[in-house]
Amino acid sequence: MELAKRDANLIQAVVENDSEALDVLFKAYLPMVYRTFTPYYIRLFDEDDWLQEARIVCYETCQCYDQNCGKSFGGLVDCKFNPNFRTNLSA
C-alpha cells in the first residue's frame, strides 16, 4: 500500500512538471525496463536510447494515468513500453 501511495504522490508531481519526481519514479521501474531490453541487441540502438524511450513512456503514462482505473502504474508502464520496444525491435 505504501508503494502505491508513493507512486501516486510522484505521479501527481510529474503531472505538475516536477522533473525530480520523474527521476525517482523512473528509477523505481528501471528493473522492469532492463528486463525488457537486455536480452536483445539492435544495431545502432544503445542502452541510452532504450532508457530515453522508457523515460518518455513513463512521463506519458503519468500524464494519462487514472488512479481509479484499477491497474497498477507499473503494469500500465509495462503495457505501454513493450509495444514500443517491439516496434523498435522489428524496425
Foldseek 3Di string as FASTA:
>chain_A
DVVQVLVVVLLVVLLVVDVVSLVVVLVVLVVVLCVQDVVDDDPPQDPVNSSVLLSVLLSVLSNPDDSPPPDGSSVSSSVVSNVVVVVSVVD
